[in-house]
Amino acid sequence: MTLKDDLEQWRKKLNAVLDEGDALHERVADLEKENALLQERLMNGDKTDGFEAVTKIYDEGYHICPANFGRTRDEECLFCLNFLLHKGKKDV
């Protein structure tokens, strides 16, 4: 392998890393927009009480647990469900 070949391989790897960085940058920007919308809804948009608001957010497919709050969820979350169950029992 020649120095020219090594340089070409390095350039391909660098381009791949740069492409991945661009994709991550776009994803972060999308998540920041989504987070801002969720925060706005929690602070001003929903005129329901807090428990109803977080229940609605969970039903729409977002986490309400502290570790992942506001992130989209693909399946049920035991931590979120535990919060909902615990809160529901207190109100009864």
PDB file of N, CA and C in Angstrom:
ATOM      1  N   MET A   1       0.845  -1.172   0.000  1.00  0.00           N
ATOM      2  CA  MET A   1       0.000   0.000   0.000  1.00  0.00           C
ATOM      3  C   MET A   1       0.900   1.248   0.000  1.00  0.00           C
ATOM      4  N   THR A   2       0.508   2.208  -0.807  1.00  0.00           N
ATOM      5  CA  THR A   2       1.314   3.419  -0.947  1.00  0.00           C
ATOM      6  C   THR A   2       0.786   4.521  -0.032  1.00  0.00           C
ATOM      7  N   LEU A   3       1.556   5.539   0.113  1.00  0.00           N
ATOM      8  CA  LEU A   3       1.152   6.693   0.902  1.00  0.00           C
ATOM      9  C   LEU A   3      -0.101   7.336   0.314  1.00  0.00           C
ATOM     10  N   LYS A   4      -0.178   7.332  -1.005  1.00  0.00           N
ATOM     11  CA  LYS A   4      -1.352   7.894  -1.678  1.00  0.00           C
ATOM     12  C   LYS A   4      -2.605   7.078  -1.324  1.00  0.00           C
ATOM     13  N   ASP A   5      -2.496   5.759  -1.286  1.00  0.00           N
ATOM     14  CA  ASP A   5      -3.628   4.903  -0.901  1.00  0.00           C
ATOM     15  C   ASP A   5      -4.032   5.150   0.553  1.00  0.00           C
ATOM     16  N   ASP A   6      -3.023   5.266   1.420  1.00  0.00           N
ATOM     17  CA  ASP A   6      -3.304   5.542   2.834  1.00  0.00           C
ATOM     18  C   ASP A   6      -4.047   6.867   2.990  1.00  0.00           C
ATOM     19  N   LEU A   7      -3.594   7.868   2.264  1.00  0.00           N
ATOM     20  CA  LEU A   7      -4.235   9.179   2.326  1.00  0.00           C
ATOM     21  C   LEU A   7      -5.669   9.106   1.826  1.00  0.00           C
ATOM     22  N   GLU A   8      -5.910   8.361   0.780  1.00  0.00           N
ATOM     23  CA  GLU A   8      -7.267   8.221   0.239  1.00  0.00           C
ATOM     24  C   GLU A   8      -8.183   7.511   1.244  1.00  0.00           C
ATOM     25  N   GLN A   9      -7.692   6.473   1.905  1.00  0.00           N
ATOM     26  CA  GLN A   9      -8.488   5.788   2.925  1.00  0.00           C
ATOM     27  C   GLN A   9      -8.800   6.731   4.090  1.00  0.00           C
ATOM     28  N   TRP A  10      -7.804   7.504   4.501  1.00  0.00           N
ATOM     29  CA  TRP A  10      -8.006   8.456   5.589  1.00  0.00           C
ATOM     30  C   TRP A  10      -9.058   9.494   5.190  1.00  0.00           C
ATOM     31  N   ARG A  11      -8.997   9.960   3.953  1.00  0.00           N
ATOM     32  CA  ARG A  11      -9.955  10.951   3.456  1.00  0.00           C
ATOM     33  C   ARG A  11     -11.377  10.379   3.447  1.00  0.00           C
ATOM     34  N   LYS A  12     -11.530   9.111   3.036  1.00  0.00           N
ATOM     35  CA  LYS A  12     -12.853   8.473   3.037  1.00  0.00           C
ATOM     36  C   LYS A  12     -13.392   8.359   4.459  1.00  0.00           C
ATOM     37  N   LYS A  13     -12.527   7.971   5.393  1.00  0.00           N
ATOM     38  CA  LYS A  13     -12.954   7.856   6.788  1.00  0.00           C
ATOM     39  C   LYS A  13     -13.348   9.222   7.343  1.00  0.00           C
ATOM     40  N   LEU A  14     -12.574  10.230   7.020  1.00  0.00           N
ATOM     41  CA  LEU A  14     -12.875  11.580   7.483  1.00  0.00           C
ATOM     42  C   LEU A  14     -14.213  12.056   6.921  1.00  0.00           C
ATOM     43  N   ASN A  15     -14.464  11.803   5.666  1.00  0.00           N
ATOM     44  CA  ASN A  15     -15.746  12.192   5.066  1.00  0.00           C
ATOM     45  C   ASN A  15     -16.912  11.459   5.724  1.00  0.00           C
ATOM     46  N   ALA A  16     -16.715  10.193   6.055  1.00  0.00           N
ATOM     47  CA  ALA A  16     -17.765   9.430   6.726  1.00  0.00           C
ATOM     48  C   ALA A  16     -18.058  10.018   8.103  1.00  0.00           C
ATOM     49  N   VAL A  17     -17.017  10.390   8.831  1.00  0.00           N
ATOM     50  CA  VAL A  17     -17.194  11.003  10.145  1.00  0.00           C
ATOM     51  C   VAL A  17     -17.897  12.353  10.014  1.00  0.00           C
ATOM     52  N   LEU A  18     -17.514  13.141   9.032  1.00  0.00           N
ATOM     53  CA  LEU A  18     -18.163  14.434   8.813  1.00  0.00           C
ATOM     54  C   LEU A  18     -19.638  14.266   8.457  1.00  0.00           C
ATOM     55  N   ASP A  19     -19.959  13.272   7.633  1.00  0.00           N
ATOM     56  CA  ASP A  19     -21.354  13.007   7.280  1.00  0.00           C
ATOM     57  C   ASP A  19     -22.150  12.601   8.516  1.00  0.00           C
ATOM     58  N   GLU A  20     -21.549  11.767   9.349  1.00  0.00           N
ATOM     59  CA  GLU A  20     -22.220  11.346  10.580  1.00  0.00           C
ATOM     60  C   GLU A  20     -22.427  12.546  11.507  1.00  0.00           C
ATOM     61  N   GLY A  21     -21.435  13.423  11.575  1.00  0.00           N
ATOM     62  CA  GLY A  21     -21.559  14.632  12.381  1.00  0.00           C
ATOM     63  C   GLY A  21     -22.691  15.524  11.885  1.00  0.00           C
ATOM     64  N   ASP A  22     -22.822  15.655  10.587  1.00  0.00           N
ATOM     65  CA  ASP A  22     -23.916  16.452  10.014  1.00  0.00           C
ATOM     66  C   ASP A  22     -25.273  15.851  10.378  1.00  0.00           C
ATOM     67  N   ALA A  23     -25.379  14.523  10.275  1.00  0.00           N
ATOM     68  CA  ALA A  23     -26.638  13.849  10.604  1.00  0.00           C
ATOM     69  C   ALA A  23     -26.969  14.032  12.088  1.00  0.00           C
ATOM     70  N   LEU A  24     -25.968  13.927  12.939  1.00  0.00           N
ATOM     71  CA  LEU A  24     -26.187  14.127  14.369  1.00  0.00           C
ATOM     72  C   LEU A  24     -26.597  15.564  14.668  1.00  0.00           C
ATOM     73  N   HIS A  25     -25.988  16.495  13.976  1.00  0.00           N
ATOM     74  CA  HIS A  25     -26.332  17.905  14.163  1.00  0.00           C
ATOM     75  C   HIS A  25     -27.790  18.148  13.807  1.00  0.00           C
ATOM     76  N   GLU A  26     -28.259  17.587  12.713  1.00  0.00           N
ATOM     77  CA  GLU A  26     -29.657  17.726  12.311  1.00  0.00           C
ATOM     78  C   GLU A  26     -30.589  17.091  13.334  1.00  0.00           C
ATOM     79  N   ARG A  27     -30.212  15.922  13.835  1.00  0.00           N
ATOM     80  CA  ARG A  27     -31.038  15.218  14.830  1.00  0.00           C
ATOM     81  C   ARG A  27     -31.149  16.040  16.116  1.00  0.00           C
ATOM     82  N   VAL A  28     -30.032  16.603  16.548  1.00  0.00           N
ATOM     83  CA  VAL A  28     -30.041  17.436  17.755  1.00  0.00           C
ATOM     84  C   VAL A  28     -30.940  18.652  17.551  1.00  0.00           C
ATOM     85  N   ALA A  29     -30.853  19.282  16.405  1.00  0.00           N
ATOM     86  CA  ALA A  29     -31.693  20.445  16.121  1.00  0.00           C
ATOM     87  C   ALA A  29     -33.175  20.056  16.159  1.00  0.00           C
ATOM     88  N   ASP A  30     -33.516  18.910  15.578  1.00  0.00           N
ATOM     89  CA  ASP A  30     -34.907  18.435  15.605  1.00  0.00           C
ATOM     90  C   ASP A  30     -35.366  18.171  17.034  1.00  0.00           C
ATOM     91  N   LEU A  31     -34.513  17.532  17.827  1.00  0.00           N
ATOM     92  CA  LEU A  31     -34.864  17.238  19.217  1.00  0.00           C
ATOM     93  C   LEU A  31     -35.018  18.506  20.047  1.00  0.00           C
ATOM     94  N   GLU A  32     -34.188  19.500  19.790  1.00  0.00           N
ATOM     95  CA  GLU A  32     -34.306  20.767  20.511  1.00  0.00           C
ATOM     96  C   GLU A  32     -35.626  21.464  20.178  1.00  0.00           C
ATOM     97  N   LYS A  33     -36.033  21.420  18.921  1.00  0.00           N
ATOM     98  CA  LYS A  33     -37.323  22.005  18.535  1.00  0.00           C
ATOM     99  C   LYS A  33     -38.471  21.267  19.222  1.00  0.00           C
ATOM    100  N   GLU A  34     -38.408  19.943  19.197  1.00  0.00           N
ATOM    101  CA  GLU A  34     -39.448  19.133  19.813  1.00  0.00           C
ATOM    102  C   GLU A  34     -39.505  19.396  21.321  1.00  0.00           C
ATOM    103  N   ASN A  35     -38.358  19.496  21.950  1.00  0.00           N
ATOM    104  CA  ASN A  35     -38.294  19.765  23.383  1.00  0.00           C
ATOM    105  C   ASN A  35     -38.887  21.128  23.706  1.00  0.00           C
ATOM    106  N   ALA A  36     -38.567  22.127  22.899  1.00  0.00           N
ATOM    107  CA  ALA A  36     -39.100  23.465  23.127  1.00  0.00           C
ATOM    108  C   ALA A  36     -40.627  23.467  23.016  1.00  0.00           C
ATOM    109  N   LEU A  37     -41.156  22.739  22.049  1.00  0.00           N
ATOM    110  CA  LEU A  37     -42.614  22.653  21.899  1.00  0.00           C
ATOM    111  C   LEU A  37     -43.260  21.976  23.098  1.00  0.00           C
ATOM    112  N   LEU A  38     -42.650  20.911  23.573  1.00  0.00           N
ATOM    113  CA  LEU A  38     -43.189  20.208  24.740  1.00  0.00           C
ATOM    114  C   LEU A  38     -43.147  21.093  25.980  1.00  0.00           C
ATOM    115  N   GLN A  39     -42.046  21.802  26.164  1.00  0.00           N
ATOM    116  CA  GLN A  39     -41.948  22.703  27.314  1.00  0.00           C
ATOM    117  C   GLN A  39     -42.988  23.809  27.234  1.00  0.00           C
ATOM    118  N   GLU A  40     -43.196  24.332  26.047  1.00  0.00           N
ATOM    119  CA  GLU A  40     -44.211  25.374  25.853  1.00  0.00           C
ATOM    120  C   GLU A  40     -45.594  24.838  26.199  1.00  0.00           C
ATOM    121  N   ARG A  41     -45.884  23.631  25.747  1.00  0.00           N
ATOM    122  CA  ARG A  41     -47.185  23.039  26.046  1.00  0.00           C
ATOM    123  C   ARG A  41     -47.364  22.842  27.537  1.00  0.00           C
ATOM    124  N   LEU A  42     -46.313  22.395  28.200  1.00  0.00           N
ATOM    125  CA  LEU A  42     -46.422  22.181  29.639  1.00  0.00           C
ATOM    126  C   LEU A  42     -46.597  23.487  30.403  1.00  0.00           C
ATOM    127  N   MET A  43     -45.885  24.506  29.989  1.00  0.00           N
ATOM    128  CA  MET A  43     -45.921  25.770  30.722  1.00  0.00           C
ATOM    129  C   MET A  43     -47.150  26.616  30.397  1.00  0.00           C
ATOM    130  N   ASN A  44     -47.561  26.629  29.143  1.00  0.00           N
ATOM    131  CA  ASN A  44     -48.603  27.579  28.746  1.00  0.00           C
ATOM    132  C   ASN A  44     -49.783  26.961  27.999  1.00  0.00           C
ATOM    133  N   GLY A  45     -49.509  25.928  27.212  1.00  0.00           N
ATOM    134  CA  GLY A  45     -50.510  25.453  26.275  1.00  0.00           C
ATOM    135  C   GLY A  45     -51.648  24.667  26.870  1.00  0.00           C
ATOM    136  N   ASP A  46     -51.355  23.702  27.703  1.00  0.00           N
ATOM    137  CA  ASP A  46     -52.413  22.858  28.244  1.00  0.00           C
ATOM    138  C   ASP A  46     -53.056  23.536  29.449  1.00  0.00           C
ATOM    139  N   LYS A  47     -54.369  23.687  29.401  1.00  0.00           N
ATOM    140  CA  LYS A  47     -55.091  24.326  30.502  1.00  0.00           C
ATOM    141  C   LYS A  47     -55.611  23.288  31.491  1.00  0.00           C
ATOM    142  N   THR A  48     -55.190  22.036  31.336  1.00  0.00           N
ATOM    143  CA  THR A  48     -55.576  20.976  32.260  1.00  0.00           C
ATOM    144  C   THR A  48     -54.643  20.990  33.455  1.00  0.00           C
ATOM    145  N   ASP A  49     -54.978  20.218  34.492  1.00  0.00           N
ATOM    146  CA  ASP A  49     -54.054  20.152  35.622  1.00  0.00           C
ATOM    147  C   ASP A  49     -52.799  19.393  35.210  1.00  0.00           C
ATOM    148  N   GLY A  50     -51.781  19.455  36.021  1.00  0.00           N
ATOM    149  CA  GLY A  50     -50.477  18.876  35.684  1.00  0.00           C
ATOM    150  C   GLY A  50     -50.533  17.396  35.386  1.00  0.00           C
ATOM    151  N   PHE A  51     -51.293  16.639  36.191  1.00  0.00           N
ATOM    152  CA  PHE A  51     -51.365  15.200  35.982  1.00  0.00           C
ATOM    153  C   PHE A  51     -52.020  14.876  34.641  1.00  0.00           C
ATOM    154  N   GLU A  52     -53.071  15.572  34.307  1.00  0.00           N
ATOM    155  CA  GLU A  52     -53.732  15.359  33.018  1.00  0.00           C
ATOM    156  C   GLU A  52     -52.796  15.706  31.869  1.00  0.00           C
ATOM    157  N   ALA A  53     -52.005  16.755  32.051  1.00  0.00           N
ATOM    158  CA  ALA A  53     -51.076  17.176  30.993  1.00  0.00           C
ATOM    159  C   ALA A  53     -50.003  16.129  30.741  1.00  0.00           C
ATOM    160  N   VAL A  54     -49.400  15.602  31.816  1.00  0.00           N
ATOM    161  CA  VAL A  54     -48.351  14.594  31.611  1.00  0.00           C
ATOM    162  C   VAL A  54     -48.941  13.289  31.113  1.00  0.00           C
ATOM    163  N   THR A  55     -50.159  12.959  31.534  1.00  0.00           N
ATOM    164  CA  THR A  55     -50.821  11.758  31.016  1.00  0.00           C
ATOM    165  C   THR A  55     -51.045  11.894  29.516  1.00  0.00           C
ATOM    166  N   LYS A  56     -51.479  13.070  29.099  1.00  0.00           N
ATOM    167  CA  LYS A  56     -51.699  13.328  27.670  1.00  0.00           C
ATOM    168  C   LYS A  56     -50.388  13.223  26.894  1.00  0.00           C
ATOM    169  N   ILE A  57     -49.322  13.784  27.451  1.00  0.00           N
ATOM    170  CA  ILE A  57     -48.013  13.713  26.800  1.00  0.00           C
ATOM    171  C   ILE A  57     -47.564  12.266  26.669  1.00  0.00           C
ATOM    172  N   TYR A  58     -47.756  11.484  27.731  1.00  0.00           N
ATOM    173  CA  TYR A  58     -47.384  10.069  27.678  1.00  0.00           C
ATOM    174  C   TYR A  58     -48.206   9.346  26.611  1.00  0.00           C
ATOM    175  N   ASP A  59     -49.501   9.613  26.582  1.00  0.00           N
ATOM    176  CA  ASP A  59     -50.376   8.978  25.590  1.00  0.00           C
ATOM    177  C   ASP A  59     -49.994   9.336  24.157  1.00  0.00           C
ATOM    178  N   GLU A  60     -49.376  10.495  23.979  1.00  0.00           N
ATOM    179  CA  GLU A  60     -48.936  10.916  22.647  1.00  0.00           C
ATOM    180  C   GLU A  60     -47.589  10.304  22.254  1.00  0.00           C
ATOM    181  N   GLY A  61     -46.993   9.515  23.165  1.00  0.00           N
ATOM    182  CA  GLY A  61     -45.774   8.791  22.815  1.00  0.00           C
ATOM    183  C   GLY A  61     -44.486   9.384  23.347  1.00  0.00           C
ATOM    184  N   TYR A  62     -44.575  10.167  24.423  1.00  0.00           N
ATOM    185  CA  TYR A  62     -43.377  10.759  25.013  1.00  0.00           C
ATOM    186  C   TYR A  62     -43.179  10.244  26.434  1.00  0.00           C
ATOM    187  N   HIS A  63     -41.927  10.232  26.858  1.00  0.00           N
ATOM    188  CA  HIS A  63     -41.619   9.854  28.239  1.00  0.00           C
ATOM    189  C   HIS A  63     -42.022  10.979  29.183  1.00  0.00           C
ATOM    190  N   ILE A  64     -42.466  10.587  30.397  1.00  0.00           N
ATOM    191  CA  ILE A  64     -42.735  11.551  31.458  1.00  0.00           C
ATOM    192  C   ILE A  64     -41.878  11.265  32.684  1.00  0.00           C
ATOM    193  N   CYS A  65     -41.069  10.224  32.620  1.00  0.00           N
ATOM    194  CA  CYS A  65     -40.178   9.901  33.740  1.00  0.00           C
ATOM    195  C   CYS A  65     -38.991  10.863  33.732  1.00  0.00           C
ATOM    196  N   PRO A  66     -38.422  11.139  34.906  1.00  0.00           N
ATOM    197  CA  PRO A  66     -37.328  12.117  34.983  1.00  0.00           C
ATOM    198  C   PRO A  66     -36.118  11.775  34.110  1.00  0.00           C
ATOM    199  N   ALA A  67     -35.786  10.507  33.993  1.00  0.00           N
ATOM    200  CA  ALA A  67     -34.577  10.124  33.247  1.00  0.00           C
ATOM    201  C   ALA A  67     -34.698  10.413  31.751  1.00  0.00           C
ATOM    202  N   ASN A  68     -35.900  10.342  31.204  1.00  0.00           N
ATOM    203  CA  ASN A  68     -36.079  10.482  29.753  1.00  0.00           C
ATOM    204  C   ASN A  68     -37.156  11.484  29.375  1.00  0.00           C
ATOM    205  N   PHE A  69     -37.498  12.385  30.265  1.00  0.00           N
ATOM    206  CA  PHE A  69     -38.627  13.282  30.049  1.00  0.00           C
ATOM    207  C   PHE A  69     -38.548  13.984  28.697  1.00  0.00           C
ATOM    208  N   GLY A  70     -39.647  13.902  27.955  1.00  0.00           N
ATOM    209  CA  GLY A  70     -39.753  14.600  26.680  1.00  0.00           C
ATOM    210  C   GLY A  70     -39.230  13.834  25.488  1.00  0.00           C
ATOM    211  N   ARG A  71     -38.512  12.759  25.728  1.00  0.00           N
ATOM    212  CA  ARG A  71     -38.010  11.954  24.608  1.00  0.00           C
ATOM    213  C   ARG A  71     -39.139  11.077  24.081  1.00  0.00           C
ATOM    214  N   THR A  72     -39.088  10.819  22.786  1.00  0.00           N
ATOM    215  CA  THR A  72     -40.097   9.927  22.229  1.00  0.00           C
ATOM    216  C   THR A  72     -39.835   8.519  22.708  1.00  0.00           C
ATOM    217  N   ARG A  73     -40.911   7.761  22.869  1.00  0.00           N
ATOM    218  CA  ARG A  73     -40.760   6.374  23.302  1.00  0.00           C
ATOM    219  C   ARG A  73     -41.406   5.467  22.265  1.00  0.00           C
ATOM    220  N   ASP A  74     -40.766   4.324  22.052  1.00  0.00           N
ATOM    221  CA  ASP A  74     -41.270   3.371  21.067  1.00  0.00           C
ATOM    222  C   ASP A  74     -42.118   2.281  21.698  1.00  0.00           C
ATOM    223  N   GLU A  75     -42.005   2.157  23.015  1.00  0.00           N
ATOM    224  CA  GLU A  75     -42.769   1.138  23.728  1.00  0.00           C
ATOM    225  C   GLU A  75     -43.109   1.660  25.110  1.00  0.00           C
ATOM    226  N   GLU A  76     -43.886   0.881  25.855  1.00  0.00           N
ATOM    227  CA  GLU A  76     -44.260   1.302  27.196  1.00  0.00           C
ATOM    228  C   GLU A  76     -43.013   1.436  28.066  1.00  0.00           C
ATOM    229  N   CYS A  77     -43.039   2.382  28.994  1.00  0.00           N
ATOM    230  CA  CYS A  77     -41.915   2.627  29.897  1.00  0.00           C
ATOM    231  C   CYS A  77     -42.376   2.334  31.318  1.00  0.00           C
ATOM    232  N   LEU A  78     -41.700   1.415  31.984  1.00  0.00           N
ATOM    233  CA  LEU A  78     -42.095   1.045  33.341  1.00  0.00           C
ATOM    234  C   LEU A  78     -41.995   2.215  34.312  1.00  0.00           C
ATOM    235  N   PHE A  79     -41.017   3.071  34.130  1.00  0.00           N
ATOM    236  CA  PHE A  79     -40.857   4.218  35.019  1.00  0.00           C
ATOM    237  C   PHE A  79     -42.008   5.213  34.845  1.00  0.00           C
ATOM    238  N   CYS A  80     -42.366   5.475  33.596  1.00  0.00           N
ATOM    239  CA  CYS A  80     -43.494   6.369  33.330  1.00  0.00           C
ATOM    240  C   CYS A  80     -44.793   5.766  33.865  1.00  0.00           C
ATOM    241  N   LEU A  81     -44.995   4.489  33.576  1.00  0.00           N
ATOM    242  CA  LEU A  81     -46.219   3.833  34.030  1.00  0.00           C
ATOM    243  C   LEU A  81     -46.303   3.792  35.546  1.00  0.00           C
ATOM    244  N   ASN A  82     -45.170   3.594  36.205  1.00  0.00           N
ATOM    245  CA  ASN A  82     -45.153   3.595  37.663  1.00  0.00           C
ATOM    246  C   ASN A  82     -45.580   4.963  38.197  1.00  0.00           C
ATOM    247  N   PHE A  83     -45.097   6.022  37.576  1.00  0.00           N
ATOM    248  CA  PHE A  83     -45.505   7.368  37.980  1.00  0.00           C
ATOM    249  C   PHE A  83     -47.014   7.539  37.820  1.00  0.00           C
ATOM    250  N   LEU A  84     -47.530   7.140  36.658  1.00  0.00           N
ATOM    251  CA  LEU A  84     -48.967   7.287  36.418  1.00  0.00           C
ATOM    252  C   LEU A  84     -49.785   6.460  37.399  1.00  0.00           C
ATOM    253  N   LEU A  85     -49.351   5.255  37.666  1.00  0.00           N
ATOM    254  CA  LEU A  85     -50.063   4.384  38.587  1.00  0.00           C
ATOM    255  C   LEU A  85     -50.009   4.941  40.005  1.00  0.00           C
ATOM    256  N   HIS A  86     -48.843   5.381  40.423  1.00  0.00           N
ATOM    257  CA  HIS A  86     -48.674   5.923  41.769  1.00  0.00           C
ATOM    258  C   HIS A  86     -49.502   7.178  41.950  1.00  0.00           C
ATOM    259  N   LYS A  87     -49.473   8.080  40.989  1.00  0.00           N
ATOM    260  CA  LYS A  87     -50.222   9.328  41.056  1.00  0.00           C
ATOM    261  C   LYS A  87     -51.727   9.038  41.042  1.00  0.00           C
ATOM    262  N   GLY A  88     -52.128   8.092  40.218  1.00  0.00           N
ATOM    263  CA  GLY A  88     -53.546   7.743  40.123  1.00  0.00           C
ATOM    264  C   GLY A  88     -54.087   7.208  41.436  1.00  0.00           C
ATOM    265  N   LYS A  89     -53.297   6.424  42.162  1.00  0.00           N
ATOM    266  CA  LYS A  89     -53.733   5.868  43.444  1.00  0.00           C
ATOM    267  C   LYS A  89     -53.844   6.948  44.509  1.00  0.00           C
ATOM    268  N   LYS A  90     -52.961   7.954  44.440  1.00  0.00           N
ATOM    269  CA  LYS A  90     -53.022   9.046  45.422  1.00  0.00           C
ATOM    270  C   LYS A  90     -54.298   9.842  45.285  1.00  0.00           C
ATOM    271  N   ASP A  91     -54.746  10.023  44.045  1.00  0.00           N
ATOM    272  CA  ASP A  91     -55.928  10.852  43.804  1.00  0.00           C
ATOM    273  C   ASP A  91     -57.232  10.147  44.148  1.00  0.00           C
ATOM    274  N   VAL A  92     -57.202   8.829  44.247  1.00  0.00           N
ATOM    275  CA  VAL A  92     -58.430   8.070  44.483  1.00  0.00           C
ATOM    276  C   VAL A  92     -58.895   8.207  45.897  1.00  0.00           C
TER     277      VAL A  92
END
